[in-house]
Amino acid sequence: MAIVRPENMDFTKQTFSAIIYGSPGMGKTTLALSAPSPILIDFDHGVSRVSAKHRVPTIMCSTYEEVLADVDSPDMKEFETIVIDTGGSFVSFLKDWATRTKKDAKTQKGTVNTLKVYGHVKTEFAAFTEKITKVMNKNVIYVFHSQEQADKDGNTVQRLMCEGAARNTVWNGCDFGGYLQMVNNQRTICFTPTDEFFAKGTHGINGNRPIPTLDGARPNDFMTRLFEEARQSIISEKAESEKLMAQYEDTMDMVRTCVENVVDIETANMAVESIQNFEHALTSRTESLALLKAKTDSLGIKYSKAAGGYIAKDGGQ
């Protein structure tokens, strides 16, 4: 059965997808590698710029086919997070792959069909993310460089440095997206959008978060703690939802008993007063009044504000 009721939904073990972007030299890759048990796909050939003490196992690739082969290998089982550095370079790999392997990537004259190529890139970008998060059940973090642009009013805005529609597609499926910048000599990452930059926050992750300076005593675990904070928020939401659902069920049991006892105007007035005083949760108030109305309609009576209670309908008994 494809329909899942809210009370049966459990997201406490879900994986997360995130975007980290900002200007060069901000430490985006090192921050991304603070996620749980990471492996780096080094599309940007930049792992050498990561401090040796913060490096992790890395896929160093020349083609997208090599990446797919490594991702499908049994060695991937030990990793919880795949870090893609950078998303923009990943798109370049996908362009090369699509141009080489897709029949419609070139025109009859042999020139590149840019529209078709970017269509394949967009589709494969989304499919690769889906594979990591849904099939492999791993977290994924996309690292992007930022690019200054001007909006329609000439104001400076920050956008992902990425070719084609993938620049916008990547935001659709991500749980968190943070812009990394320097504020008052403190590195911060913001998960709340502003007029200057895109950002995205869910599960209680929002606002500006300071990035701690790493030293010999401090572990590189910022994203690990962020993911755990989000998971605890999901757990708390689930507990609150279960509490509300239990209250809803208790209230609706009392409502049904109350409505069953309505047989005339007097008992209808007693029922509406009782229902108003019940401890309602979720949609119980709306549903209970609908049940009562259906019962009083069947008895030929209606509620009158002027009379302050139920009266007989025209022609009712």
Protein backbone atom coordinates (compact mmCIF):
# COMPACT_ATOMS: atom_id res chain seq x y z
CA MET A 1 0.00 0.00 0.00
CA ALA A 2 1.49 3.35 -1.08
CA ILE A 3 -0.55 5.59 1.24
CA VAL A 4 1.16 6.14 4.60
CA ARG A 5 -0.76 7.77 7.43
CA PRO A 6 1.02 10.53 9.38
CA GLU A 7 0.96 8.45 12.56
CA ASN A 8 2.90 5.71 10.75
CA MET A 9 5.59 8.00 9.32
CA ASP A 10 9.03 7.63 10.91
CA PHE A 11 11.89 9.82 9.69
CA THR A 12 14.15 9.34 12.71
CA LYS A 13 16.63 7.24 10.71
CA GLN A 14 16.61 9.26 7.51
CA THR A 15 19.79 10.43 5.85
CA PHE A 16 20.45 14.09 5.08
CA SER A 17 21.51 16.05 2.02
CA ALA A 18 23.23 19.41 2.30
CA ILE A 19 24.83 22.19 0.29
CA ILE A 20 27.81 24.19 1.56
CA TYR A 21 28.88 27.10 -0.59
CA GLY A 22 30.99 30.23 -0.33
CA SER A 23 34.00 32.00 -1.74
CA PRO A 24 37.38 30.22 -2.22
CA GLY A 25 39.56 29.74 0.84
CA MET A 26 36.72 29.65 3.38
CA GLY A 27 37.31 26.02 4.35
CA LYS A 28 34.21 24.58 2.68
CA THR A 29 35.70 21.16 2.00
CA THR A 30 37.09 20.75 5.51
CA LEU A 31 33.69 21.73 6.91
CA ALA A 32 31.94 19.19 4.67
CA LEU A 33 34.38 16.51 5.83
CA SER A 34 33.17 17.06 9.41
CA ALA A 35 30.11 14.93 8.54
CA PRO A 36 29.73 11.36 9.89
CA SER A 37 32.21 8.83 8.39
CA PRO A 38 32.85 10.75 5.16
CA ILE A 39 34.38 9.79 1.85
CA LEU A 40 35.32 12.54 -0.59
CA ILE A 41 34.67 12.45 -4.34
CA ASP A 42 37.34 14.87 -5.52
CA PHE A 43 35.95 16.17 -8.80
CA ASP A 44 37.84 19.42 -8.20
CA HIS A 45 41.25 17.76 -7.68
CA GLY A 46 41.60 19.84 -4.53
CA VAL A 47 42.10 17.33 -1.72
CA SER A 48 45.76 18.39 -1.50
CA ARG A 49 44.54 21.78 -0.21
CA VAL A 50 42.86 20.11 2.77
CA SER A 51 45.04 19.96 5.86
CA ALA A 52 46.60 16.50 6.12
CA LYS A 53 45.05 15.87 9.54
CA HIS A 54 41.57 16.46 8.15
CA ARG A 55 41.84 14.35 4.99
CA VAL A 56 39.61 11.32 4.54
CA PRO A 57 39.45 8.42 2.04
CA THR A 58 39.03 9.98 -1.40
CA ILE A 59 37.82 8.93 -4.82
CA MET A 60 40.23 10.50 -7.34
CA CYS A 61 38.55 10.18 -10.69
CA SER A 62 39.01 11.02 -14.36
CA THR A 63 35.54 10.14 -15.66
CA TYR A 64 32.01 9.82 -14.32
CA GLU A 65 32.08 6.11 -15.17
CA GLU A 66 35.00 5.65 -12.75
CA VAL A 67 33.00 7.41 -10.03
CA LEU A 68 30.01 5.09 -10.56
CA ALA A 69 32.25 2.03 -10.39
CA ASP A 70 33.80 3.19 -7.11
CA VAL A 71 30.45 4.19 -5.61
CA ASP A 72 29.06 0.72 -6.40
CA SER A 73 32.04 -1.08 -4.85
CA PRO A 74 31.70 -3.02 -1.56
CA ASP A 75 34.24 -0.64 0.03
CA MET A 76 31.56 2.06 0.21
CA LYS A 77 29.68 0.21 2.96
CA GLU A 78 31.90 1.64 5.70
CA PHE A 79 31.08 5.27 4.87
CA GLU A 80 28.02 7.19 6.05
CA THR A 81 28.48 10.41 4.06
CA ILE A 82 29.55 11.12 0.49
CA VAL A 83 31.06 14.59 0.01
CA ILE A 84 31.06 15.93 -3.56
CA ASP A 85 33.69 18.60 -4.17
CA THR A 86 32.70 20.58 -6.07
CA GLY A 87 29.19 20.42 -7.47
CA GLY A 88 30.28 22.67 -10.31
CA SER A 89 33.08 20.31 -11.32
CA PHE A 90 30.69 17.36 -11.02
CA VAL A 91 28.54 19.04 -13.67
CA SER A 92 31.60 19.31 -15.92
CA PHE A 93 32.21 15.57 -15.52
CA LEU A 94 28.56 14.91 -16.37
CA LYS A 95 28.79 17.12 -19.47
CA ASP A 96 31.78 15.07 -20.67
CA TRP A 97 29.93 11.81 -19.90
CA ALA A 98 26.74 12.90 -21.70
CA THR A 99 28.64 14.17 -24.74
CA ARG A 100 30.49 10.86 -25.07
CA THR A 101 27.71 8.40 -24.31
CA LYS A 102 24.34 9.88 -25.34
CA LYS A 103 23.30 9.43 -28.95
CA ASP A 104 21.40 12.71 -29.10
CA ALA A 105 24.28 14.71 -27.59
CA LYS A 106 25.49 15.69 -31.05
CA THR A 107 23.71 17.03 -34.09
CA GLN A 108 23.83 15.39 -37.51
CA LYS A 109 26.66 17.79 -38.35
CA GLY A 110 28.66 16.50 -35.39
CA THR A 111 28.39 19.61 -33.24
CA VAL A 112 27.42 19.37 -29.57
CA ASN A 113 23.69 19.68 -28.90
CA THR A 114 24.03 21.82 -25.77
CA LEU A 115 20.33 21.67 -24.89
CA LYS A 116 20.26 17.86 -24.97
CA VAL A 117 23.54 17.59 -23.04
CA TYR A 118 22.32 19.83 -20.22
CA GLY A 119 19.07 17.89 -20.13
CA HIS A 120 21.01 14.67 -19.50
CA VAL A 121 23.21 16.44 -16.93
CA LYS A 122 20.18 17.70 -14.99
CA THR A 123 18.54 14.27 -14.99
CA GLU A 124 21.70 12.40 -13.99
CA PHE A 125 22.60 14.93 -11.26
CA ALA A 126 19.21 14.31 -9.61
CA ALA A 127 19.47 10.53 -10.15
CA PHE A 128 22.92 10.38 -8.57
CA THR A 129 21.70 12.23 -5.46
CA GLU A 130 18.68 9.92 -5.26
CA LYS A 131 20.97 6.91 -5.52
CA ILE A 132 23.14 8.07 -2.61
CA THR A 133 20.33 9.07 -0.26
CA LYS A 134 17.54 6.61 -1.10
CA VAL A 135 19.25 3.51 -2.49
CA MET A 136 22.57 3.57 -0.62
CA ASN A 137 21.00 5.27 2.44
CA LYS A 138 23.89 7.68 2.95
CA ASN A 139 24.20 11.39 3.62
CA VAL A 140 25.40 13.57 0.76
CA ILE A 141 27.04 17.01 0.93
CA TYR A 142 27.61 19.13 -2.16
CA VAL A 143 30.37 21.73 -1.93
CA PHE A 144 30.04 24.68 -4.31
CA HIS A 145 31.99 27.85 -4.94
CA SER A 146 29.87 30.98 -4.79
CA GLN A 147 29.61 33.48 -7.61
CA GLU A 148 28.74 37.16 -7.32
CA GLN A 149 25.92 38.26 -9.58
CA ALA A 150 23.67 41.30 -9.85
CA ASP A 151 19.92 41.00 -9.37
CA LYS A 152 17.36 42.91 -11.46
CA ASP A 153 17.88 45.99 -9.27
CA GLY A 154 21.67 45.86 -9.54
CA ASN A 155 22.21 44.54 -6.00
CA THR A 156 25.01 42.03 -5.42
CA VAL A 157 23.80 38.49 -4.73
CA GLN A 158 25.62 35.20 -4.18
CA ARG A 159 24.73 32.15 -6.26
CA LEU A 160 26.16 28.67 -6.78
CA MET A 161 28.98 28.56 -9.33
CA CYS A 162 27.55 25.93 -11.61
CA GLU A 163 26.58 25.64 -15.28
CA GLY A 164 23.09 24.88 -16.50
CA ALA A 165 19.87 23.99 -14.69
CA ALA A 166 21.63 21.76 -12.13
CA ARG A 167 22.43 24.98 -10.25
CA ASN A 168 18.75 25.22 -9.33
CA THR A 169 17.91 21.50 -9.30
CA VAL A 170 20.33 20.75 -6.47
CA TRP A 171 18.37 22.95 -4.07
CA ASN A 172 15.14 21.01 -4.59
CA GLY A 173 16.09 17.83 -2.81
CA CYS A 174 18.44 19.17 -0.15
CA ASP A 175 17.56 19.31 3.55
CA PHE A 176 20.04 22.06 4.42
CA GLY A 177 21.85 24.66 2.38
CA GLY A 178 24.30 27.02 4.03
CA TYR A 179 26.24 30.04 2.82
CA LEU A 180 29.71 30.18 4.38
CA GLN A 181 31.14 33.65 4.97
CA MET A 182 33.26 35.75 7.31
CA VAL A 183 31.34 37.97 9.74
CA ASN A 184 33.35 40.16 12.14
CA ASN A 185 36.44 37.95 11.74
CA GLN A 186 34.37 34.85 12.54
CA ARG A 187 33.54 32.18 9.98
CA THR A 188 29.79 31.52 9.98
CA ILE A 189 27.40 29.44 7.94
CA CYS A 190 23.84 30.67 7.50
CA PHE A 191 20.90 28.34 6.86
CA THR A 192 18.30 31.11 6.53
CA PRO A 193 17.91 32.83 3.14
CA THR A 194 18.48 36.57 2.80
CA ASP A 195 18.24 39.08 -0.01
CA GLU A 196 21.93 38.42 -0.69
CA PHE A 197 22.07 34.62 -0.81
CA PHE A 198 20.02 31.44 -1.02
CA ALA A 199 19.95 29.14 2.00
CA LYS A 200 17.72 26.40 3.34
CA GLY A 201 16.99 24.99 6.78
CA THR A 202 14.75 22.19 8.04
CA HIS A 203 14.27 20.22 11.26
CA GLY A 204 15.22 23.18 13.44
CA ILE A 205 18.42 23.97 11.54
CA ASN A 206 18.34 27.68 10.67
CA GLY A 207 20.04 31.02 11.25
CA ASN A 208 23.73 31.87 11.49
CA ARG A 209 26.01 29.25 13.03
CA PRO A 210 29.61 30.10 14.02
CA ILE A 211 32.24 27.69 12.72
CA PRO A 212 34.74 26.80 15.46
CA THR A 213 38.44 27.25 14.78
CA LEU A 214 40.05 23.83 14.58
CA ASP A 215 43.07 23.22 16.77
CA GLY A 216 44.80 20.16 18.10
CA ALA A 217 42.19 19.60 20.79
CA ARG A 218 39.01 20.24 18.78
CA PRO A 219 37.66 17.50 16.50
CA ASN A 220 36.36 18.32 13.04
CA ASP A 221 32.74 17.35 13.76
CA PHE A 222 30.56 20.41 12.96
CA MET A 223 28.34 18.69 10.36
CA THR A 224 28.15 15.52 12.47
CA ARG A 225 26.73 17.57 15.33
CA LEU A 226 24.44 19.46 12.95
CA PHE A 227 22.99 16.21 11.55
CA GLU A 228 22.51 14.89 15.09
CA GLU A 229 20.73 18.10 16.11
CA ALA A 230 18.38 17.67 13.15
CA ARG A 231 17.77 14.03 14.05
CA GLN A 232 16.94 14.92 17.65
CA SER A 233 14.50 17.53 16.35
CA ILE A 234 12.82 14.86 14.23
CA ILE A 235 12.62 12.55 17.25
CA SER A 236 11.07 15.32 19.36
CA GLU A 237 8.57 16.15 16.62
CA LYS A 238 7.61 12.48 16.38
CA ALA A 239 7.11 12.23 20.15
CA GLU A 240 4.93 15.35 20.14
CA SER A 241 2.96 14.05 17.18
CA GLU A 242 2.36 10.72 18.93
CA LYS A 243 1.17 12.59 22.03
CA LEU A 244 -1.27 14.67 19.97
CA MET A 245 -2.50 11.60 18.12
CA ALA A 246 -3.20 9.79 21.40
CA GLN A 247 -5.15 12.80 22.67
CA TYR A 248 -7.04 12.98 19.37
CA GLU A 249 -8.06 9.32 19.62
CA ASP A 250 -9.19 9.69 23.25
CA THR A 251 -11.22 12.79 22.45
CA MET A 252 -12.86 11.26 19.38
CA ASP A 253 -13.88 8.20 21.41
CA MET A 254 -15.69 10.51 23.84
CA VAL A 255 -17.20 12.49 20.97
CA ARG A 256 -18.63 9.39 19.29
CA THR A 257 -20.21 8.26 22.56
CA CYS A 258 -21.61 11.73 23.14
CA VAL A 259 -23.12 11.96 19.63
CA GLU A 260 -24.64 8.48 19.86
CA ASN A 261 -26.63 9.65 22.92
CA VAL A 262 -28.22 12.57 21.05
CA VAL A 263 -31.90 11.78 20.49
CA ASP A 264 -33.62 15.19 20.77
CA ILE A 265 -33.10 18.94 21.30
CA GLU A 266 -32.24 18.58 24.98
CA THR A 267 -29.56 15.93 24.45
CA ALA A 268 -28.20 17.86 21.45
CA ASN A 269 -27.70 20.93 23.62
CA MET A 270 -26.00 18.81 26.25
CA ALA A 271 -23.76 17.25 23.59
CA VAL A 272 -22.57 20.52 22.04
CA GLU A 273 -21.69 21.89 25.48
CA SER A 274 -19.75 18.74 26.33
CA ILE A 275 -17.89 18.73 22.99
CA GLN A 276 -16.83 22.36 23.44
CA ASN A 277 -15.30 21.45 26.82
CA PHE A 278 -13.36 18.39 25.63
CA GLU A 279 -9.56 18.65 25.37
CA HIS A 280 -9.15 18.75 21.61
CA ALA A 281 -6.13 17.86 19.52
CA LEU A 282 -5.36 18.04 15.81
CA THR A 283 -8.69 18.08 13.91
CA SER A 284 -10.88 16.66 16.67
CA ARG A 285 -12.89 19.86 17.23
CA THR A 286 -13.81 20.23 13.55
CA GLU A 287 -14.59 16.52 13.16
CA SER A 288 -16.68 16.35 16.33
CA LEU A 289 -18.86 19.27 15.29
CA ALA A 290 -19.32 17.68 11.87
CA LEU A 291 -20.43 14.41 13.48
CA LEU A 292 -22.86 16.27 15.72
CA LYS A 293 -24.30 18.20 12.78
CA ALA A 294 -24.84 15.01 10.80
CA LYS A 295 -26.72 13.54 13.80
CA THR A 296 -28.89 16.62 14.42
CA ASP A 297 -29.67 16.89 10.71
CA SER A 298 -30.97 13.35 10.81
CA LEU A 299 -33.20 14.32 13.78
CA GLY A 300 -34.57 17.39 12.01
CA ILE A 301 -33.05 19.95 14.38
CA LYS A 302 -30.54 22.73 13.89
CA TYR A 303 -28.41 25.07 15.98
CA SER A 304 -29.69 28.65 16.31
CA LYS A 305 -27.36 31.43 17.44
CA ALA A 306 -30.37 33.61 18.23
CA ALA A 307 -31.89 30.94 20.46
CA GLY A 308 -28.53 29.97 21.90
CA GLY A 309 -29.17 26.30 21.28
CA TYR A 310 -30.90 23.74 19.11
CA ILE A 311 -34.37 24.22 17.70
CA ALA A 312 -36.63 22.26 15.34
CA LYS A 313 -36.07 22.85 11.64
CA ASP A 314 -38.97 24.09 9.58
CA GLY A 315 -41.24 21.10 9.34
CA GLY A 316 -39.06 19.08 11.70
CA GLN A 317 -40.43 16.98 14.53
